Amino acid sequence: FYGRTISDSRGHGKISAARALEVSSNIGLATIIDDNYA
């Protein structure tokens, strides 16, 4: 993201927004917020 790497404890691939919160995906939530509010 803008020259900086955001990581998860492990890869989850393509998942729903609900599942992103369940597994606490940093990438998932960062993507949701950046895509819609940047």
All heavy atoms as atom14 arrays in JSON, in Angstrom:
{
  "sequence": "FYGRTISDSRGHGKISAARALEVSSNIGLATIIDDNYA",
  "atom14_mask": [
    [1, 1, 1, 1, 1, 1, 1, 1, 1, 1, 1, 0, 0, 0],
    [1, 1, 1, 1, 1, 1, 1, 1, 1, 1, 1, 1, 0, 0],
    [1, 1, 1, 1, 0, 0, 0, 0, 0, 0, 0, 0, 0, 0],
    [1, 1, 1, 1, 1, 1, 1, 1, 1, 1, 1, 0, 0, 0],
    [1, 1, 1, 1, 1, 1, 1, 0, 0, 0, 0, 0, 0, 0],
    [1, 1, 1, 1, 1, 1, 1, 1, 0, 0, 0, 0, 0, 0],
    [1, 1, 1, 1, 1, 1, 0, 0, 0, 0, 0, 0, 0, 0],
    [1, 1, 1, 1, 1, 1, 1, 1, 0, 0, 0, 0, 0, 0],
    [1, 1, 1, 1, 1, 1, 0, 0, 0, 0, 0, 0, 0, 0],
    [1, 1, 1, 1, 1, 1, 1, 1, 1, 1, 1, 0, 0, 0],
    [1, 1, 1, 1, 0, 0, 0, 0, 0, 0, 0, 0, 0, 0],
    [1, 1, 1, 1, 1, 1, 1, 1, 1, 1, 0, 0, 0, 0],
    [1, 1, 1, 1, 0, 0, 0, 0, 0, 0, 0, 0, 0, 0],
    [1, 1, 1, 1, 1, 1, 1, 1, 1, 0, 0, 0, 0, 0],
    [1, 1, 1, 1, 1, 1, 1, 1, 0, 0, 0, 0, 0, 0],
    [1, 1, 1, 1, 1, 1, 0, 0, 0, 0, 0, 0, 0, 0],
    [1, 1, 1, 1, 1, 0, 0, 0, 0, 0, 0, 0, 0, 0],
    [1, 1, 1, 1, 1, 0, 0, 0, 0, 0, 0, 0, 0, 0],
    [1, 1, 1, 1, 1, 1, 1, 1, 1, 1, 1, 0, 0, 0],
    [1, 1, 1, 1, 1, 0, 0, 0, 0, 0, 0, 0, 0, 0],
    [1, 1, 1, 1, 1, 1, 1, 1, 0, 0, 0, 0, 0, 0],
    [1, 1, 1, 1, 1, 1, 1, 1, 1, 0, 0, 0, 0, 0],
    [1, 1, 1, 1, 1, 1, 1, 0, 0, 0, 0, 0, 0, 0],
    [1, 1, 1, 1, 1, 1, 0, 0, 0, 0, 0, 0, 0, 0],
    [1, 1, 1, 1, 1, 1, 0, 0, 0, 0, 0, 0, 0, 0],
    [1, 1, 1, 1, 1, 1, 1, 1, 0, 0, 0, 0, 0, 0],
    [1, 1, 1, 1, 1, 1, 1, 1, 0, 0, 0, 0, 0, 0],
    [1, 1, 1, 1, 0, 0, 0, 0, 0, 0, 0, 0, 0, 0],
    [1, 1, 1, 1, 1, 1, 1, 1, 0, 0, 0, 0, 0, 0],
    [1, 1, 1, 1, 1, 0, 0, 0, 0, 0, 0, 0, 0, 0],
    [1, 1, 1, 1, 1, 1, 1, 0, 0, 0, 0, 0, 0, 0],
    [1, 1, 1, 1, 1, 1, 1, 1, 0, 0, 0, 0, 0, 0],
    [1, 1, 1, 1, 1, 1, 1, 1, 0, 0, 0, 0, 0, 0],
    [1, 1, 1, 1, 1, 1, 1, 1, 0, 0, 0, 0, 0, 0],
    [1, 1, 1, 1, 1, 1, 1, 1, 0, 0, 0, 0, 0, 0],
    [1, 1, 1, 1, 1, 1, 1, 1, 0, 0, 0, 0, 0, 0],
    [1, 1, 1, 1, 1, 1, 1, 1, 1, 1, 1, 1, 0, 0],
    [1, 1, 1, 1, 1, 0, 0, 0, 0, 0, 0, 0, 0, 0]
  ],
  "atom14_positions": [
    [[0.85, -1.18, 0.0], [0.0, 0.0, 0.0], [0.9, 1.23, 0.0], [1.59, 1.51, 0.99], [-0.9, 0.03, 1.25], [-2.02, -0.96, 1.24], [-1.8, -2.29, 1.58], [-3.3, -0.58, 0.88], [-2.83, -3.2, 1.59], [-4.35, -1.49, 0.87], [-4.12, -2.8, 1.22], [0.0, 0.0, 0.0], [0.0, 0.0, 0.0], [0.0, 0.0, 0.0]],
    [[0.92, 1.96, -1.1], [1.68, 3.21, -1.19], [3.13, 3.03, -0.75], [3.67, 3.82, 0.03], [1.0, 4.31, -0.37], [-0.47, 4.46, -0.68], [-1.44, 4.08, 0.24], [-0.87, 4.96, -1.92], [-2.79, 4.2, -0.06], [-2.23, 5.09, -2.23], [-3.18, 4.7, -1.29], [-4.52, 4.81, -1.61], [0.0, 0.0, 0.0], [0.0, 0.0, 0.0]],
    [[3.75, 1.98, -1.24], [5.16, 1.75, -0.95], [5.43, 1.07, 0.37], [6.6, 0.84, 0.72], [0.0, 0.0, 0.0], [0.0, 0.0, 0.0], [0.0, 0.0, 0.0], [0.0, 0.0, 0.0], [0.0, 0.0, 0.0], [0.0, 0.0, 0.0], [0.0, 0.0, 0.0], [0.0, 0.0, 0.0], [0.0, 0.0, 0.0], [0.0, 0.0, 0.0]],
    [[4.39, 0.7, 1.1], [4.58, 0.03, 2.39], [3.83, -1.3, 2.37], [2.71, -1.39, 1.85], [4.07, 0.89, 3.54], [4.39, 0.33, 4.92], [4.09, 1.37, 5.99], [2.67, 1.68, 6.05], [1.78, 1.0, 6.81], [2.2, 0.0, 7.56], [0.52, 1.36, 6.82], [0.0, 0.0, 0.0], [0.0, 0.0, 0.0], [0.0, 0.0, 0.0]],
    [[4.44, -2.33, 2.95], [3.85, -3.67, 2.94], [3.01, -3.89, 4.19], [3.45, -3.63, 5.32], [4.94, -4.76, 2.87], [5.72, -4.56, 1.69], [4.32, -6.14, 2.85], [0.0, 0.0, 0.0], [0.0, 0.0, 0.0], [0.0, 0.0, 0.0], [0.0, 0.0, 0.0], [0.0, 0.0, 0.0], [0.0, 0.0, 0.0], [0.0, 0.0, 0.0]],
    [[1.8, -4.38, 3.97], [0.94, -4.8, 5.08], [0.83, -6.32, 5.0], [0.61, -6.89, 3.92], [-0.45, -4.15, 5.0], [-0.31, -2.62, 5.2], [-1.39, -4.73, 6.04], [-1.63, -1.87, 5.11], [0.0, 0.0, 0.0], [0.0, 0.0, 0.0], [0.0, 0.0, 0.0], [0.0, 0.0, 0.0], [0.0, 0.0, 0.0], [0.0, 0.0, 0.0]],
    [[0.98, -6.97, 6.16], [1.03, -8.43, 6.18], [-0.04, -9.01, 7.11], [-0.51, -8.35, 8.05], [2.4, -8.91, 6.66], [3.43, -8.39, 5.84], [0.0, 0.0, 0.0], [0.0, 0.0, 0.0], [0.0, 0.0, 0.0], [0.0, 0.0, 0.0], [0.0, 0.0, 0.0], [0.0, 0.0, 0.0], [0.0, 0.0, 0.0], [0.0, 0.0, 0.0]],
    [[-0.42, -10.25, 6.83], [-1.24, -11.06, 7.73], [-0.39, -12.19, 8.29], [0.68, -12.5, 7.75], [-2.44, -11.66, 6.98], [-3.51, -10.62, 6.68], [-3.55, -9.6, 7.4], [-4.29, -10.82, 5.72], [0.0, 0.0, 0.0], [0.0, 0.0, 0.0], [0.0, 0.0, 0.0], [0.0, 0.0, 0.0], [0.0, 0.0, 0.0], [0.0, 0.0, 0.0]],
    [[-0.86, -12.81, 9.33], [-0.11, -13.92, 9.91], [-0.01, -15.09, 8.93], [0.93, -15.87, 8.96], [-0.77, -14.38, 11.22], [-2.12, -14.76, 10.98], [0.0, 0.0, 0.0], [0.0, 0.0, 0.0], [0.0, 0.0, 0.0], [0.0, 0.0, 0.0], [0.0, 0.0, 0.0], [0.0, 0.0, 0.0], [0.0, 0.0, 0.0], [0.0, 0.0, 0.0]],
    [[-1.01, -15.18, 8.02], [-0.96, -16.17, 6.94], [-1.89, -15.72, 5.83], [-2.75, -14.85, 6.03], [-1.36, -17.57, 7.43], [-2.78, -17.71, 7.91], [-3.04, -19.1, 8.46], [-4.42, -19.3, 8.87], [-5.4, -19.71, 8.06], [-5.12, -19.97, 6.78], [-6.62, -19.87, 8.51], [0.0, 0.0, 0.0], [0.0, 0.0, 0.0], [0.0, 0.0, 0.0]],
    [[-1.77, -16.3, 4.65], [-2.6, -15.9, 3.51], [-4.0, -16.48, 3.59], [-4.18, -17.64, 3.99], [0.0, 0.0, 0.0], [0.0, 0.0, 0.0], [0.0, 0.0, 0.0], [0.0, 0.0, 0.0], [0.0, 0.0, 0.0], [0.0, 0.0, 0.0], [0.0, 0.0, 0.0], [0.0, 0.0, 0.0], [0.0, 0.0, 0.0], [0.0, 0.0, 0.0]],
    [[-4.99, -15.7, 3.17], [-6.38, -16.16, 3.18], [-7.01, -16.12, 1.79], [-8.14, -16.58, 1.62], [-7.21, -15.3, 4.13], [-6.74, -15.33, 5.56], [-6.95, -16.42, 6.38], [-6.06, -14.42, 6.29], [-6.42, -16.17, 7.57], [-5.88, -14.97, 7.55], [0.0, 0.0, 0.0], [0.0, 0.0, 0.0], [0.0, 0.0, 0.0], [0.0, 0.0, 0.0]],
    [[-6.3, -15.53, 0.82], [-6.84, -15.47, -0.53], [-8.04, -14.56, -0.62], [-8.15, -13.55, 0.09], [0.0, 0.0, 0.0], [0.0, 0.0, 0.0], [0.0, 0.0, 0.0], [0.0, 0.0, 0.0], [0.0, 0.0, 0.0], [0.0, 0.0, 0.0], [0.0, 0.0, 0.0], [0.0, 0.0, 0.0], [0.0, 0.0, 0.0], [0.0, 0.0, 0.0]],
    [[-9.0, -14.93, -1.49], [-10.21, -14.13, -1.66], [-11.27, -14.59, -0.65], [-11.69, -15.75, -0.66], [-10.74, -14.27, -3.08], [-9.81, -13.65, -4.13], [-10.39, -13.78, -5.53], [-9.48, -13.12, -6.56], [-10.03, -13.22, -7.94], [0.0, 0.0, 0.0], [0.0, 0.0, 0.0], [0.0, 0.0, 0.0], [0.0, 0.0, 0.0], [0.0, 0.0, 0.0]],
    [[-11.67, -13.66, 0.19], [-12.64, -13.98, 1.25], [-13.66, -12.84, 1.34], [-13.45, -11.75, 0.81], [-11.96, -14.16, 2.62], [-11.11, -12.93, 2.97], [-11.12, -15.42, 2.65], [-10.47, -12.99, 4.34], [0.0, 0.0, 0.0], [0.0, 0.0, 0.0], [0.0, 0.0, 0.0], [0.0, 0.0, 0.0], [0.0, 0.0, 0.0], [0.0, 0.0, 0.0]],
    [[-14.78, -13.12, 2.02], [-15.81, -12.09, 2.2], [-15.36, -11.08, 3.24], [-14.44, -11.33, 4.04], [-17.12, -12.73, 2.65], [-16.98, -13.25, 3.97], [0.0, 0.0, 0.0], [0.0, 0.0, 0.0], [0.0, 0.0, 0.0], [0.0, 0.0, 0.0], [0.0, 0.0, 0.0], [0.0, 0.0, 0.0], [0.0, 0.0, 0.0], [0.0, 0.0, 0.0]],
    [[-16.02, -9.93, 3.25], [-15.7, -8.89, 4.24], [-15.94, -9.4, 5.65], [-15.17, -9.12, 6.58], [-16.53, -7.64, 3.97], [0.0, 0.0, 0.0], [0.0, 0.0, 0.0], [0.0, 0.0, 0.0], [0.0, 0.0, 0.0], [0.0, 0.0, 0.0], [0.0, 0.0, 0.0], [0.0, 0.0, 0.0], [0.0, 0.0, 0.0], [0.0, 0.0, 0.0]],
    [[-17.03, -10.19, 5.83], [-17.32, -10.75, 7.15], [-16.21, -11.69, 7.58], [-15.76, -11.65, 8.74], [-18.66, -11.48, 7.11], [0.0, 0.0, 0.0], [0.0, 0.0, 0.0], [0.0, 0.0, 0.0], [0.0, 0.0, 0.0], [0.0, 0.0, 0.0], [0.0, 0.0, 0.0], [0.0, 0.0, 0.0], [0.0, 0.0, 0.0], [0.0, 0.0, 0.0]],
    [[-15.76, -12.52, 6.66], [-14.7, -13.48, 6.99], [-13.38, -12.75, 7.28], [-12.59, -13.2, 8.11], [-14.52, -14.46, 5.84], [-13.52, -15.59, 6.1], [-13.94, -16.44, 7.28], [-12.97, -17.51, 7.55], [-12.92, -18.2, 8.68], [-13.78, -17.93, 9.66], [-12.01, -19.15, 8.85], [0.0, 0.0, 0.0], [0.0, 0.0, 0.0], [0.0, 0.0, 0.0]],
    [[-13.16, -11.61, 6.62], [-11.94, -10.84, 6.86], [-11.85, -10.39, 8.32], [-10.78, -10.4, 8.92], [-11.89, -9.64, 5.93], [0.0, 0.0, 0.0], [0.0, 0.0, 0.0], [0.0, 0.0, 0.0], [0.0, 0.0, 0.0], [0.0, 0.0, 0.0], [0.0, 0.0, 0.0], [0.0, 0.0, 0.0], [0.0, 0.0, 0.0], [0.0, 0.0, 0.0]],
    [[-13.02, -10.03, 8.89], [-13.02, -9.64, 10.3], [-12.89, -10.86, 11.2], [-12.2, -10.81, 12.22], [-14.29, -8.87, 10.63], [-14.37, -8.27, 12.04], [-13.22, -7.31, 12.29], [-15.7, -7.58, 12.28], [0.0, 0.0, 0.0], [0.0, 0.0, 0.0], [0.0, 0.0, 0.0], [0.0, 0.0, 0.0], [0.0, 0.0, 0.0], [0.0, 0.0, 0.0]],
    [[-13.52, -11.96, 10.81], [-13.45, -13.18, 11.62], [-12.01, -13.66, 11.79], [-11.6, -14.05, 12.87], [-14.28, -14.29, 10.98], [-15.78, -14.08, 11.06], [-16.53, -15.12, 10.25], [-15.92, -16.16, 9.9], [-17.72, -14.91, 9.94], [0.0, 0.0, 0.0], [0.0, 0.0, 0.0], [0.0, 0.0, 0.0], [0.0, 0.0, 0.0], [0.0, 0.0, 0.0]],
    [[-11.24, -13.61, 10.7], [-9.86, -14.09, 10.75], [-8.88, -12.95, 11.04], [-7.67, -13.15, 11.05], [-9.45, -14.81, 9.45], [-10.34, -16.02, 9.22], [-9.52, -13.86, 8.25], [0.0, 0.0, 0.0], [0.0, 0.0, 0.0], [0.0, 0.0, 0.0], [0.0, 0.0, 0.0], [0.0, 0.0, 0.0], [0.0, 0.0, 0.0], [0.0, 0.0, 0.0]],
    [[-9.42, -11.73, 11.23], [-8.63, -10.55, 11.58], [-7.56, -10.26, 10.53], [-6.38, -10.08, 10.84], [-7.98, -10.73, 12.96], [-7.53, -9.49, 13.47], [0.0, 0.0, 0.0], [0.0, 0.0, 0.0], [0.0, 0.0, 0.0], [0.0, 0.0, 0.0], [0.0, 0.0, 0.0], [0.0, 0.0, 0.0], [0.0, 0.0, 0.0], [0.0, 0.0, 0.0]],
    [[-7.99, -10.16, 9.28], [-7.06, -9.9, 8.19], [-6.73, -8.4, 8.1], [-7.62, -7.58, 7.81], [-7.65, -10.37, 6.86], [-6.86, -9.93, 5.77], [0.0, 0.0, 0.0], [0.0, 0.0, 0.0], [0.0, 0.0, 0.0], [0.0, 0.0, 0.0], [0.0, 0.0, 0.0], [0.0, 0.0, 0.0], [0.0, 0.0, 0.0], [0.0, 0.0, 0.0]],
    [[-5.47, -8.05, 8.33], [-5.04, -6.66, 8.17], [-5.23, -6.2, 6.73], [-5.71, -5.1, 6.46], [-3.56, -6.52, 8.55], [-3.3, -6.85, 10.0], [-4.18, -6.73, 10.85], [-2.07, -7.27, 10.29], [0.0, 0.0, 0.0], [0.0, 0.0, 0.0], [0.0, 0.0, 0.0], [0.0, 0.0, 0.0], [0.0, 0.0, 0.0], [0.0, 0.0, 0.0]],
    [[-4.83, -7.07, 5.8], [-4.94, -6.74, 4.38], [-6.41, -6.55, 3.99], [-6.76, -5.62, 3.25], [-4.29, -7.84, 3.52], [-2.8, -7.95, 3.83], [-4.52, -7.59, 2.03], [-2.12, -9.14, 3.19], [0.0, 0.0, 0.0], [0.0, 0.0, 0.0], [0.0, 0.0, 0.0], [0.0, 0.0, 0.0], [0.0, 0.0, 0.0], [0.0, 0.0, 0.0]],
    [[-7.26, -7.44, 4.49], [-8.68, -7.36, 4.15], [-9.3, -6.03, 4.55], [-9.95, -5.36, 3.74], [0.0, 0.0, 0.0], [0.0, 0.0, 0.0], [0.0, 0.0, 0.0], [0.0, 0.0, 0.0], [0.0, 0.0, 0.0], [0.0, 0.0, 0.0], [0.0, 0.0, 0.0], [0.0, 0.0, 0.0], [0.0, 0.0, 0.0], [0.0, 0.0, 0.0]],
    [[-9.1, -5.62, 5.81], [-9.7, -4.37, 6.28], [-9.03, -3.16, 5.64], [-9.7, -2.17, 5.3], [-9.61, -4.3, 7.8], [-10.8, -4.87, 8.6], [-12.08, -4.09, 8.29], [-11.04, -6.35, 8.31], [0.0, 0.0, 0.0], [0.0, 0.0, 0.0], [0.0, 0.0, 0.0], [0.0, 0.0, 0.0], [0.0, 0.0, 0.0], [0.0, 0.0, 0.0]],
    [[-7.7, -3.21, 5.45], [-6.99, -2.1, 4.82], [-7.48, -1.91, 3.39], [-7.67, -0.77, 2.91], [-5.49, -2.35, 4.84], [0.0, 0.0, 0.0], [0.0, 0.0, 0.0], [0.0, 0.0, 0.0], [0.0, 0.0, 0.0], [0.0, 0.0, 0.0], [0.0, 0.0, 0.0], [0.0, 0.0, 0.0], [0.0, 0.0, 0.0], [0.0, 0.0, 0.0]],
    [[-7.72, -3.01, 2.68], [-8.2, -2.94, 1.3], [-9.6, -2.35, 1.24], [-9.9, -1.49, 0.4], [-8.19, -4.34, 0.66], [-6.85, -4.86, 0.67], [-8.7, -4.3, -0.77], [0.0, 0.0, 0.0], [0.0, 0.0, 0.0], [0.0, 0.0, 0.0], [0.0, 0.0, 0.0], [0.0, 0.0, 0.0], [0.0, 0.0, 0.0], [0.0, 0.0, 0.0]],
    [[-10.48, -2.81, 2.13], [-11.86, -2.31, 2.15], [-11.89, -0.79, 2.38], [-12.57, -0.05, 1.65], [-12.68, -3.02, 3.25], [-12.93, -4.48, 2.86], [-14.0, -2.3, 3.5], [-13.51, -5.33, 3.98], [0.0, 0.0, 0.0], [0.0, 0.0, 0.0], [0.0, 0.0, 0.0], [0.0, 0.0, 0.0], [0.0, 0.0, 0.0], [0.0, 0.0, 0.0]],
    [[-11.15, -0.33, 3.36], [-11.18, 1.1, 3.69], [-10.46, 1.92, 2.63], [-10.94, 2.99, 2.23], [-10.56, 1.33, 5.09], [-11.35, 0.58, 6.16], [-10.48, 2.8, 5.42], [-12.83, 0.92, 6.2], [0.0, 0.0, 0.0], [0.0, 0.0, 0.0], [0.0, 0.0, 0.0], [0.0, 0.0, 0.0], [0.0, 0.0, 0.0], [0.0, 0.0, 0.0]],
    [[-9.33, 1.46, 2.16], [-8.58, 2.23, 1.15], [-9.35, 2.3, -0.16], [-9.39, 3.37, -0.8], [-7.21, 1.6, 0.94], [-6.31, 2.48, 0.09], [-6.0, 3.61, 0.52], [-5.93, 2.05, -1.02], [0.0, 0.0, 0.0], [0.0, 0.0, 0.0], [0.0, 0.0, 0.0], [0.0, 0.0, 0.0], [0.0, 0.0, 0.0], [0.0, 0.0, 0.0]],
    [[-9.95, 1.19, -0.61], [-10.68, 1.18, -1.88], [-11.87, 2.14, -1.85], [-12.22, 2.74, -2.88], [-11.18, -0.23, -2.19], [-10.06, -1.15, -2.66], [-8.93, -0.65, -2.87], [-10.31, -2.36, -2.8], [0.0, 0.0, 0.0], [0.0, 0.0, 0.0], [0.0, 0.0, 0.0], [0.0, 0.0, 0.0], [0.0, 0.0, 0.0], [0.0, 0.0, 0.0]],
    [[-12.51, 2.28, -0.71], [-13.77, 3.02, -0.64], [-13.66, 4.43, -0.06], [-14.6, 5.21, -0.17], [-14.79, 2.22, 0.16], [-15.19, 0.93, -0.52], [-15.95, 0.93, -1.48], [-14.66, -0.19, -0.03], [0.0, 0.0, 0.0], [0.0, 0.0, 0.0], [0.0, 0.0, 0.0], [0.0, 0.0, 0.0], [0.0, 0.0, 0.0], [0.0, 0.0, 0.0]],
    [[-12.51, 4.73, 0.59], [-12.4, 6.05, 1.23], [-11.13, 6.81, 0.84], [-10.94, 7.94, 1.3], [-12.44, 5.91, 2.75], [-13.75, 5.4, 3.3], [-13.89, 4.06, 3.65], [-14.82, 6.26, 3.48], [-15.09, 3.58, 4.17], [-16.03, 5.8, 4.0], [-16.15, 4.46, 4.34], [-17.34, 4.0, 4.84], [0.0, 0.0, 0.0], [0.0, 0.0, 0.0]],
    [[-10.26, 6.25, 0.01], [-9.0, 6.92, -0.32], [-9.24, 8.28, -0.96], [-8.49, 9.23, -0.71], [-8.17, 6.04, -1.25], [0.0, 0.0, 0.0], [0.0, 0.0, 0.0], [0.0, 0.0, 0.0], [0.0, 0.0, 0.0], [0.0, 0.0, 0.0], [0.0, 0.0, 0.0], [0.0, 0.0, 0.0], [0.0, 0.0, 0.0], [0.0, 0.0, 0.0]]
  ]
}
